[in-house]
Amino acid sequence: MLKTLLWSAVLLTLTSCSTSPTGRKQLKLYSSTQMQQMGVQSFDNIKKETSVSRQQVANEFVQCVATQITSHLPENVFQGKWEVVVFDDKQVNAFALPGGKIGVYTGLLEVTENQDQLAAVIGHEIGHVIADHGNERLSTSSLVGLGLQGADIALKAGNVEHAGTIMQAIGAGSQVLIQLPFSRIQESEADEIGLQLMAKSGFDPSQAVNLWHNMEKAGGGRQPELLSTHPSPQTRIQDLQSQMAQAQQLRAQSTNHPNCQKS
């Protein structure tokens, strides 16, 4: 059984590698059809569980920004019309899912000062979809689970003393050393993709830096970056600033001039 699990893990790794938009190697075990089905189902569940905002101005503002960005996406990302929903919730967050789904919480609108800052967030979230990060996270989780199952079988078969404690340590180590840093890599990659996307759509990329200054003020105390799934605001700001010259060139080449009014 252990050998079967190990060979399965090796085979999955060798046959499921691809490359992200920034050139990074990725492990993806699921098809785009499967991911879109999961995205649609997840979005439907969120709409059932979370109140949808009926504020006309907020909905029109978010819809305007989202439409400007999604109209500049490659067809292979999603070919249909994107569904954009504003959720009446104070959390400062937004998300995009495979299958053409975008959700924005009203709490985010209290932190974003203008169309460009909201575009930075929506661009970032769509960046996750473009880079297929959801597939990557699910695939990594599946492979880690397979490895832990193999380790558990080996420890029990060998009658290893304190096997339960060892398995807990392995599980915690896999989270810190594999899953969390991997998520930070994805977040930084989505920042880069999102910055380029908002610039191509005609939004001011420099507002992405201002956004993260606002986020830092709104965030209060934070846990150490090592144990976080997101880079610290300062790390994000530094990375965005290093990419700003290229982003401004992309904006200068854009013929689009968004005019989405927040109020």
C-alpha atoms as a PDB file:
ATOM      1  CA  MET A   1       0.000   0.000   0.000  1.00  0.00           C
ATOM      2  CA  LEU A   2       2.797   2.439   0.907  1.00  0.00           C
ATOM      3  CA  LYS A   3       4.642   1.738  -2.346  1.00  0.00           C
ATOM      4  CA  THR A   4       1.434   2.233  -4.297  1.00  0.00           C
ATOM      5  CA  LEU A   5       0.835   5.596  -2.630  1.00  0.00           C
ATOM      6  CA  LEU A   6       4.400   6.758  -3.226  1.00  0.00           C
ATOM      7  CA  TRP A   7       4.394   5.717  -6.885  1.00  0.00           C
ATOM      8  CA  SER A   8       1.015   7.387  -7.343  1.00  0.00           C
ATOM      9  CA  ALA A   9       2.424  10.617  -5.912  1.00  0.00           C
ATOM     10  CA  VAL A  10       5.457  10.440  -8.229  1.00  0.00           C
ATOM     11  CA  LEU A  11       3.274   9.711 -11.257  1.00  0.00           C
ATOM     12  CA  LEU A  12       0.906  12.574 -10.479  1.00  0.00           C
ATOM     13  CA  THR A  13       3.821  14.969 -10.081  1.00  0.00           C
ATOM     14  CA  LEU A  14       5.476  13.931 -13.346  1.00  0.00           C
ATOM     15  CA  THR A  15       2.321  14.043 -15.462  1.00  0.00           C
ATOM     16  CA  SER A  16       0.613  17.133 -14.081  1.00  0.00           C
ATOM     17  CA  CYS A  17       3.207  19.900 -14.317  1.00  0.00           C
ATOM     18  CA  SER A  18       2.566  23.128 -16.197  1.00  0.00           C
ATOM     19  CA  THR A  19       3.845  26.710 -16.201  1.00  0.00           C
ATOM     20  CA  SER A  20       2.230  29.806 -14.683  1.00  0.00           C
ATOM     21  CA  PRO A  21       1.948  33.144 -16.564  1.00  0.00           C
ATOM     22  CA  THR A  22       5.125  34.317 -14.785  1.00  0.00           C
ATOM     23  CA  GLY A  23       7.080  31.194 -15.752  1.00  0.00           C
ATOM     24  CA  ARG A  24       6.790  29.319 -12.464  1.00  0.00           C
ATOM     25  CA  LYS A  25       6.320  25.520 -12.513  1.00  0.00           C
ATOM     26  CA  GLN A  26       2.900  24.394 -11.289  1.00  0.00           C
ATOM     27  CA  LEU A  27       1.247  21.145 -10.274  1.00  0.00           C
ATOM     28  CA  LYS A  28      -2.318  20.923 -11.602  1.00  0.00           C
ATOM     29  CA  LEU A  29      -4.322  17.727 -11.259  1.00  0.00           C
ATOM     30  CA  TYR A  30      -7.774  19.037 -12.228  1.00  0.00           C
ATOM     31  CA  SER A  31      -9.222  20.003 -15.613  1.00  0.00           C
ATOM     32  CA  SER A  32     -10.470  23.504 -16.409  1.00  0.00           C
ATOM     33  CA  THR A  33     -14.003  22.074 -16.690  1.00  0.00           C
ATOM     34  CA  GLN A  34     -13.774  20.618 -13.185  1.00  0.00           C
ATOM     35  CA  MET A  35     -12.456  23.901 -11.796  1.00  0.00           C
ATOM     36  CA  GLN A  36     -15.227  25.919 -13.445  1.00  0.00           C
ATOM     37  CA  GLN A  37     -17.865  23.553 -12.078  1.00  0.00           C
ATOM     38  CA  MET A  38     -16.406  23.897  -8.581  1.00  0.00           C
ATOM     39  CA  GLY A  39     -16.225  27.678  -8.980  1.00  0.00           C
ATOM     40  CA  VAL A  40     -19.877  27.976  -9.995  1.00  0.00           C
ATOM     41  CA  GLN A  41     -21.008  25.693  -7.164  1.00  0.00           C
ATOM     42  CA  SER A  42     -18.943  27.584  -4.597  1.00  0.00           C
ATOM     43  CA  PHE A  43     -20.345  30.912  -5.787  1.00  0.00           C
ATOM     44  CA  ASP A  44     -23.912  29.639  -5.588  1.00  0.00           C
ATOM     45  CA  ASN A  45     -23.275  28.480  -2.017  1.00  0.00           C
ATOM     46  CA  ILE A  46     -21.862  31.873  -1.022  1.00  0.00           C
ATOM     47  CA  LYS A  47     -24.916  33.632  -2.457  1.00  0.00           C
ATOM     48  CA  LYS A  48     -27.159  31.384  -0.358  1.00  0.00           C
ATOM     49  CA  GLU A  49     -25.170  31.986   2.826  1.00  0.00           C
ATOM     50  CA  THR A  50     -24.315  35.706   2.501  1.00  0.00           C
ATOM     51  CA  SER A  51     -26.637  38.659   2.072  1.00  0.00           C
ATOM     52  CA  VAL A  52     -26.424  40.354  -1.332  1.00  0.00           C
ATOM     53  CA  SER A  53     -26.186  44.150  -1.265  1.00  0.00           C
ATOM     54  CA  ARG A  54     -29.042  46.111  -2.796  1.00  0.00           C
ATOM     55  CA  GLN A  55     -27.176  49.433  -2.778  1.00  0.00           C
ATOM     56  CA  GLN A  56     -27.505  50.690  -6.329  1.00  0.00           C
ATOM     57  CA  VAL A  57     -24.469  52.989  -6.285  1.00  0.00           C
ATOM     58  CA  ALA A  58     -22.185  50.316  -4.830  1.00  0.00           C
ATOM     59  CA  ASN A  59     -23.375  47.707  -7.310  1.00  0.00           C
ATOM     60  CA  GLU A  60     -22.980  50.014 -10.303  1.00  0.00           C
ATOM     61  CA  PHE A  61     -19.509  51.073  -9.158  1.00  0.00           C
ATOM     62  CA  VAL A  62     -18.254  47.512  -8.675  1.00  0.00           C
ATOM     63  CA  GLN A  63     -19.890  46.332 -11.893  1.00  0.00           C
ATOM     64  CA  CYS A  64     -18.282  49.175 -13.837  1.00  0.00           C
ATOM     65  CA  VAL A  65     -14.765  48.411 -12.583  1.00  0.00           C
ATOM     66  CA  ALA A  66     -15.166  44.664 -13.052  1.00  0.00           C
ATOM     67  CA  THR A  67     -16.503  45.077 -16.601  1.00  0.00           C
ATOM     68  CA  GLN A  68     -13.575  47.285 -17.592  1.00  0.00           C
ATOM     69  CA  ILE A  69     -11.121  44.606 -16.423  1.00  0.00           C
ATOM     70  CA  THR A  70     -12.898  41.481 -17.653  1.00  0.00           C
ATOM     71  CA  SER A  71     -13.273  42.990 -21.122  1.00  0.00           C
ATOM     72  CA  HIS A  72      -9.478  42.900 -21.422  1.00  0.00           C
ATOM     73  CA  LEU A  73      -9.050  39.238 -20.497  1.00  0.00           C
ATOM     74  CA  PRO A  74      -7.898  36.555 -22.944  1.00  0.00           C
ATOM     75  CA  GLU A  75     -10.768  34.359 -24.163  1.00  0.00           C
ATOM     76  CA  ASN A  76      -9.167  31.237 -22.697  1.00  0.00           C
ATOM     77  CA  VAL A  77      -9.736  32.596 -19.157  1.00  0.00           C
ATOM     78  CA  PHE A  78     -13.529  32.591 -19.498  1.00  0.00           C
ATOM     79  CA  GLN A  79     -15.656  33.034 -22.613  1.00  0.00           C
ATOM     80  CA  GLY A  80     -19.009  33.930 -21.069  1.00  0.00           C
ATOM     81  CA  LYS A  81     -20.302  36.978 -19.207  1.00  0.00           C
ATOM     82  CA  TRP A  82     -18.787  37.420 -15.752  1.00  0.00           C
ATOM     83  CA  GLU A  83     -21.227  37.450 -12.860  1.00  0.00           C
ATOM     84  CA  VAL A  84     -20.394  40.214 -10.362  1.00  0.00           C
ATOM     85  CA  VAL A  85     -22.063  40.301  -6.938  1.00  0.00           C
ATOM     86  CA  VAL A  86     -21.630  42.762  -4.071  1.00  0.00           C
ATOM     87  CA  PHE A  87     -22.099  41.060  -0.713  1.00  0.00           C
ATOM     88  CA  ASP A  88     -23.387  43.023   2.265  1.00  0.00           C
ATOM     89  CA  ASP A  89     -20.647  42.098   4.699  1.00  0.00           C
ATOM     90  CA  LYS A  90     -18.109  44.182   6.644  1.00  0.00           C
ATOM     91  CA  GLN A  91     -15.108  42.003   5.825  1.00  0.00           C
ATOM     92  CA  VAL A  92     -12.470  43.785   3.735  1.00  0.00           C
ATOM     93  CA  ASN A  93     -12.248  41.248   0.963  1.00  0.00           C
ATOM     94  CA  ALA A  94     -13.095  40.193  -2.574  1.00  0.00           C
ATOM     95  CA  PHE A  95     -12.625  37.067  -4.658  1.00  0.00           C
ATOM     96  CA  ALA A  96     -12.849  35.678  -8.175  1.00  0.00           C
ATOM     97  CA  LEU A  97     -13.594  32.070  -9.074  1.00  0.00           C
ATOM     98  CA  PRO A  98     -13.217  29.921 -12.187  1.00  0.00           C
ATOM     99  CA  GLY A  99     -16.393  29.971 -14.204  1.00  0.00           C
ATOM    100  CA  GLY A 100     -16.567  33.779 -14.427  1.00  0.00           C
ATOM    101  CA  LYS A 101     -17.543  34.723 -10.879  1.00  0.00           C
ATOM    102  CA  ILE A 102     -16.521  37.842  -8.919  1.00  0.00           C
ATOM    103  CA  GLY A 103     -17.570  38.707  -5.375  1.00  0.00           C
ATOM    104  CA  VAL A 104     -16.861  41.987  -3.571  1.00  0.00           C
ATOM    105  CA  TYR A 105     -17.748  42.660   0.068  1.00  0.00           C
ATOM    106  CA  THR A 106     -19.059  46.072   1.081  1.00  0.00           C
ATOM    107  CA  GLY A 107     -16.338  46.281   3.749  1.00  0.00           C
ATOM    108  CA  LEU A 108     -13.767  46.535   0.964  1.00  0.00           C
ATOM    109  CA  LEU A 109     -15.518  49.602  -0.451  1.00  0.00           C
ATOM    110  CA  GLU A 110     -14.825  51.417   2.816  1.00  0.00           C
ATOM    111  CA  VAL A 111     -11.064  50.926   2.315  1.00  0.00           C
ATOM    112  CA  THR A 112     -10.786  51.487  -1.444  1.00  0.00           C
ATOM    113  CA  GLU A 113     -10.879  55.217  -2.132  1.00  0.00           C
ATOM    114  CA  ASN A 114     -11.456  55.209  -5.895  1.00  0.00           C
ATOM    115  CA  GLN A 115     -11.938  53.132  -9.028  1.00  0.00           C
ATOM    116  CA  ASP A 116      -8.220  52.457  -9.401  1.00  0.00           C
ATOM    117  CA  GLN A 117      -7.831  50.958  -5.935  1.00  0.00           C
ATOM    118  CA  LEU A 118     -10.844  48.712  -6.458  1.00  0.00           C
ATOM    119  CA  ALA A 119      -9.378  47.731  -9.840  1.00  0.00           C
ATOM    120  CA  ALA A 120      -6.172  46.706  -8.064  1.00  0.00           C
ATOM    121  CA  VAL A 121      -8.136  44.300  -5.864  1.00  0.00           C
ATOM    122  CA  ILE A 122     -10.315  42.878  -8.640  1.00  0.00           C
ATOM    123  CA  GLY A 123      -7.296  42.585 -10.930  1.00  0.00           C
ATOM    124  CA  HIS A 124      -5.449  40.691  -8.202  1.00  0.00           C
ATOM    125  CA  GLU A 125      -8.359  38.307  -7.626  1.00  0.00           C
ATOM    126  CA  ILE A 126      -8.765  37.629 -11.344  1.00  0.00           C
ATOM    127  CA  GLY A 127      -4.998  37.088 -11.415  1.00  0.00           C
ATOM    128  CA  HIS A 128      -5.568  34.035  -9.226  1.00  0.00           C
ATOM    129  CA  VAL A 129      -7.997  32.693 -11.843  1.00  0.00           C
ATOM    130  CA  ILE A 130      -5.673  33.463 -14.755  1.00  0.00           C
ATOM    131  CA  ALA A 131      -2.815  31.623 -13.035  1.00  0.00           C
ATOM    132  CA  ASP A 132      -5.136  28.746 -12.050  1.00  0.00           C
ATOM    133  CA  HIS A 133      -4.122  29.045  -8.409  1.00  0.00           C
ATOM    134  CA  GLY A 134      -7.267  27.286  -7.191  1.00  0.00           C
ATOM    135  CA  ASN A 135      -6.295  24.198  -9.181  1.00  0.00           C
ATOM    136  CA  GLU A 136      -2.784  24.437  -7.807  1.00  0.00           C
ATOM    137  CA  ARG A 137      -3.924  24.663  -4.193  1.00  0.00           C
ATOM    138  CA  LEU A 138      -6.319  21.744  -4.543  1.00  0.00           C
ATOM    139  CA  SER A 139      -3.648  19.670  -6.271  1.00  0.00           C
ATOM    140  CA  THR A 140      -1.037  20.441  -3.621  1.00  0.00           C
ATOM    141  CA  SER A 141      -3.495  19.604  -0.861  1.00  0.00           C
ATOM    142  CA  SER A 142      -4.362  16.294  -2.542  1.00  0.00           C
ATOM    143  CA  LEU A 143      -0.700  15.367  -2.948  1.00  0.00           C
ATOM    144  CA  VAL A 144       0.173  16.344   0.636  1.00  0.00           C
ATOM    145  CA  GLY A 145      -2.755  14.248   1.859  1.00  0.00           C
ATOM    146  CA  LEU A 146      -1.481  11.285  -0.138  1.00  0.00           C
ATOM    147  CA  GLY A 147       1.994  11.685   1.374  1.00  0.00           C
ATOM    148  CA  LEU A 148       0.661  11.953   4.923  1.00  0.00           C
ATOM    149  CA  GLN A 149      -1.438   8.856   4.382  1.00  0.00           C
ATOM    150  CA  GLY A 150       1.672   6.983   3.274  1.00  0.00           C
ATOM    151  CA  ALA A 151       3.657   8.189   6.296  1.00  0.00           C
ATOM    152  CA  ASP A 152       0.863   7.150   8.642  1.00  0.00           C
ATOM    153  CA  ILE A 153       0.762   3.651   7.122  1.00  0.00           C
ATOM    154  CA  ALA A 154       4.544   3.300   7.424  1.00  0.00           C
ATOM    155  CA  LEU A 155       4.618   4.402  11.067  1.00  0.00           C
ATOM    156  CA  LYS A 156       1.806   2.043  12.051  1.00  0.00           C
ATOM    157  CA  ALA A 157       3.283  -0.870  10.096  1.00  0.00           C
ATOM    158  CA  GLY A 158       6.608  -0.418  11.891  1.00  0.00           C
ATOM    159  CA  ASN A 159       4.984  -0.114  15.323  1.00  0.00           C
ATOM    160  CA  VAL A 160       6.838   3.184  15.785  1.00  0.00           C
ATOM    161  CA  GLU A 161       6.531   4.587  19.306  1.00  0.00           C
ATOM    162  CA  HIS A 162       4.588   7.883  19.586  1.00  0.00           C
ATOM    163  CA  ALA A 163       3.399   7.526  15.968  1.00  0.00           C
ATOM    164  CA  GLY A 164       0.459   9.871  16.631  1.00  0.00           C
ATOM    165  CA  THR A 165       2.706  12.664  17.889  1.00  0.00           C
ATOM    166  CA  ILE A 166       5.049  12.217  14.939  1.00  0.00           C
ATOM    167  CA  MET A 167       2.134  12.440  12.497  1.00  0.00           C
ATOM    168  CA  GLN A 168       0.943  15.679  14.127  1.00  0.00           C
ATOM    169  CA  ALA A 169       4.438  17.139  13.752  1.00  0.00           C
ATOM    170  CA  ILE A 170       4.604  16.068  10.103  1.00  0.00           C
ATOM    171  CA  GLY A 171       1.203  17.641   9.453  1.00  0.00           C
ATOM    172  CA  ALA A 172       2.190  20.951  11.054  1.00  0.00           C
ATOM    173  CA  GLY A 173       5.505  20.951   9.180  1.00  0.00           C
ATOM    174  CA  SER A 174       3.832  20.319   5.847  1.00  0.00           C
ATOM    175  CA  GLN A 175       1.539  23.312   6.437  1.00  0.00           C
ATOM    176  CA  VAL A 176       4.343  25.748   7.320  1.00  0.00           C
ATOM    177  CA  LEU A 177       6.975  24.493   4.877  1.00  0.00           C
ATOM    178  CA  ILE A 178       4.769  23.685   1.888  1.00  0.00           C
ATOM    179  CA  GLN A 179       1.246  25.048   1.917  1.00  0.00           C
ATOM    180  CA  LEU A 180       1.658  28.496   3.517  1.00  0.00           C
ATOM    181  CA  PRO A 181       4.796  29.658   1.660  1.00  0.00           C
ATOM    182  CA  PHE A 182       3.262  28.332  -1.546  1.00  0.00           C
ATOM    183  CA  SER A 183       0.220  30.496  -0.926  1.00  0.00           C
ATOM    184  CA  ARG A 184       2.449  33.547  -0.438  1.00  0.00           C
ATOM    185  CA  ILE A 185       4.074  32.829  -3.800  1.00  0.00           C
ATOM    186  CA  GLN A 186       0.634  32.715  -5.377  1.00  0.00           C
ATOM    187  CA  GLU A 187      -0.395  35.993  -3.734  1.00  0.00           C
ATOM    188  CA  SER A 188       2.703  37.769  -5.046  1.00  0.00           C
ATOM    189  CA  GLU A 189       2.111  36.304  -8.501  1.00  0.00           C
ATOM    190  CA  ALA A 190      -1.516  37.486  -8.465  1.00  0.00           C
ATOM    191  CA  ASP A 191      -0.292  40.967  -7.458  1.00  0.00           C
ATOM    192  CA  GLU A 192       1.983  41.056 -10.505  1.00  0.00           C
ATOM    193  CA  ILE A 193      -0.673  39.782 -12.907  1.00  0.00           C
ATOM    194  CA  GLY A 194      -3.289  42.086 -11.414  1.00  0.00           C
ATOM    195  CA  LEU A 195      -1.061  45.142 -11.695  1.00  0.00           C
ATOM    196  CA  GLN A 196      -0.521  44.500 -15.393  1.00  0.00           C
ATOM    197  CA  LEU A 197      -4.195  43.766 -15.935  1.00  0.00           C
ATOM    198  CA  MET A 198      -5.441  46.975 -14.298  1.00  0.00           C
ATOM    199  CA  ALA A 199      -2.869  48.972 -16.271  1.00  0.00           C
ATOM    200  CA  LYS A 200      -3.911  47.397 -19.581  1.00  0.00           C
ATOM    201  CA  SER A 201      -7.511  48.260 -18.674  1.00  0.00           C
ATOM    202  CA  GLY A 202      -6.578  51.941 -18.285  1.00  0.00           C
ATOM    203  CA  PHE A 203      -6.547  52.188 -14.485  1.00  0.00           C
ATOM    204  CA  ASP A 204      -3.744  53.950 -12.609  1.00  0.00           C
ATOM    205  CA  PRO A 205      -1.381  51.208 -11.315  1.00  0.00           C
ATOM    206  CA  SER A 206       0.236  53.539  -8.766  1.00  0.00           C
ATOM    207  CA  GLN A 207      -3.026  53.373  -6.796  1.00  0.00           C
ATOM    208  CA  ALA A 208      -2.230  49.724  -5.998  1.00  0.00           C
ATOM    209  CA  VAL A 209       0.506  51.002  -3.675  1.00  0.00           C
ATOM    210  CA  ASN A 210      -1.897  53.457  -2.038  1.00  0.00           C
ATOM    211  CA  LEU A 211      -4.369  50.611  -1.593  1.00  0.00           C
ATOM    212  CA  TRP A 212      -1.906  48.565   0.428  1.00  0.00           C
ATOM    213  CA  HIS A 213      -1.049  51.544   2.591  1.00  0.00           C
ATOM    214  CA  ASN A 214      -4.787  51.742   3.334  1.00  0.00           C
ATOM    215  CA  MET A 215      -4.909  47.995   3.972  1.00  0.00           C
ATOM    216  CA  GLU A 216      -2.005  48.245   6.377  1.00  0.00           C
ATOM    217  CA  LYS A 217      -3.797  50.944   8.370  1.00  0.00           C
ATOM    218  CA  ALA A 218      -7.035  48.957   8.405  1.00  0.00           C
ATOM    219  CA  GLY A 219      -5.351  45.660   9.284  1.00  0.00           C
ATOM    220  CA  GLY A 220      -4.111  46.465  12.772  1.00  0.00           C
ATOM    221  CA  GLY A 221      -1.908  43.814  14.348  1.00  0.00           C
ATOM    222  CA  ARG A 222      -0.718  41.025  12.057  1.00  0.00           C
ATOM    223  CA  GLN A 223       0.874  37.657  12.659  1.00  0.00           C
ATOM    224  CA  PRO A 224       4.453  37.065  11.394  1.00  0.00           C
ATOM    225  CA  GLU A 225       4.715  36.791   7.623  1.00  0.00           C
ATOM    226  CA  LEU A 226       6.291  33.319   7.929  1.00  0.00           C
ATOM    227  CA  LEU A 227       3.010  31.927   9.295  1.00  0.00           C
ATOM    228  CA  SER A 228       0.725  33.899   7.027  1.00  0.00           C
ATOM    229  CA  THR A 229      -0.765  32.922   3.679  1.00  0.00           C
ATOM    230  CA  HIS A 230      -0.286  36.508   2.480  1.00  0.00           C
ATOM    231  CA  PRO A 231       2.841  38.653   2.139  1.00  0.00           C
ATOM    232  CA  SER A 232       3.000  41.591   4.535  1.00  0.00           C
ATOM    233  CA  PRO A 233       1.699  44.912   3.179  1.00  0.00           C
ATOM    234  CA  GLN A 234       5.260  46.281   3.149  1.00  0.00           C
ATOM    235  CA  THR A 235       6.496  43.333   1.078  1.00  0.00           C
ATOM    236  CA  ARG A 236       3.657  43.797  -1.366  1.00  0.00           C
ATOM    237  CA  ILE A 237       4.303  47.532  -1.633  1.00  0.00           C
ATOM    238  CA  GLN A 238       8.002  46.979  -2.358  1.00  0.00           C
ATOM    239  CA  ASP A 239       7.232  44.363  -5.004  1.00  0.00           C
ATOM    240  CA  LEU A 240       4.598  46.550  -6.662  1.00  0.00           C
ATOM    241  CA  GLN A 241       6.938  49.535  -6.743  1.00  0.00           C
ATOM    242  CA  SER A 242       9.606  47.426  -8.469  1.00  0.00           C
ATOM    243  CA  GLN A 243       7.051  46.534 -11.198  1.00  0.00           C
ATOM    244  CA  MET A 244       5.567  50.033 -11.529  1.00  0.00           C
ATOM    245  CA  ALA A 245       7.598  51.298 -14.494  1.00  0.00           C
ATOM    246  CA  GLN A 246       6.448  48.456 -16.720  1.00  0.00           C
ATOM    247  CA  ALA A 247       2.861  48.840 -15.516  1.00  0.00           C
ATOM    248  CA  GLN A 248       2.849  52.563 -16.309  1.00  0.00           C
ATOM    249  CA  GLN A 249       4.068  51.781 -19.823  1.00  0.00           C
ATOM    250  CA  LEU A 250       1.172  49.367 -20.286  1.00  0.00           C
ATOM    251  CA  ARG A 251      -1.262  52.031 -19.120  1.00  0.00           C
ATOM    252  CA  ALA A 252       0.236  54.588 -21.503  1.00  0.00           C
ATOM    253  CA  GLN A 253      -0.371  52.160 -24.369  1.00  0.00           C
ATOM    254  CA  SER A 254      -4.001  51.581 -23.371  1.00  0.00           C
ATOM    255  CA  THR A 255      -6.759  53.386 -25.253  1.00  0.00           C
ATOM    256  CA  ASN A 256      -9.234  52.698 -22.445  1.00  0.00           C
ATOM    257  CA  HIS A 257     -10.211  55.486 -20.035  1.00  0.00           C
ATOM    258  CA  PRO A 258     -12.423  54.118 -17.232  1.00  0.00           C
ATOM    259  CA  ASN A 259     -14.753  56.485 -15.427  1.00  0.00           C
ATOM    260  CA  CYS A 260     -16.408  54.486 -12.660  1.00  0.00           C
ATOM    261  CA  GLN A 261     -17.928  56.687  -9.980  1.00  0.00           C
ATOM    262  CA  LYS A 262     -17.885  55.490  -6.370  1.00  0.00           C
ATOM    263  CA  SER A 263     -20.559  57.928  -5.261  1.00  0.00           C
END
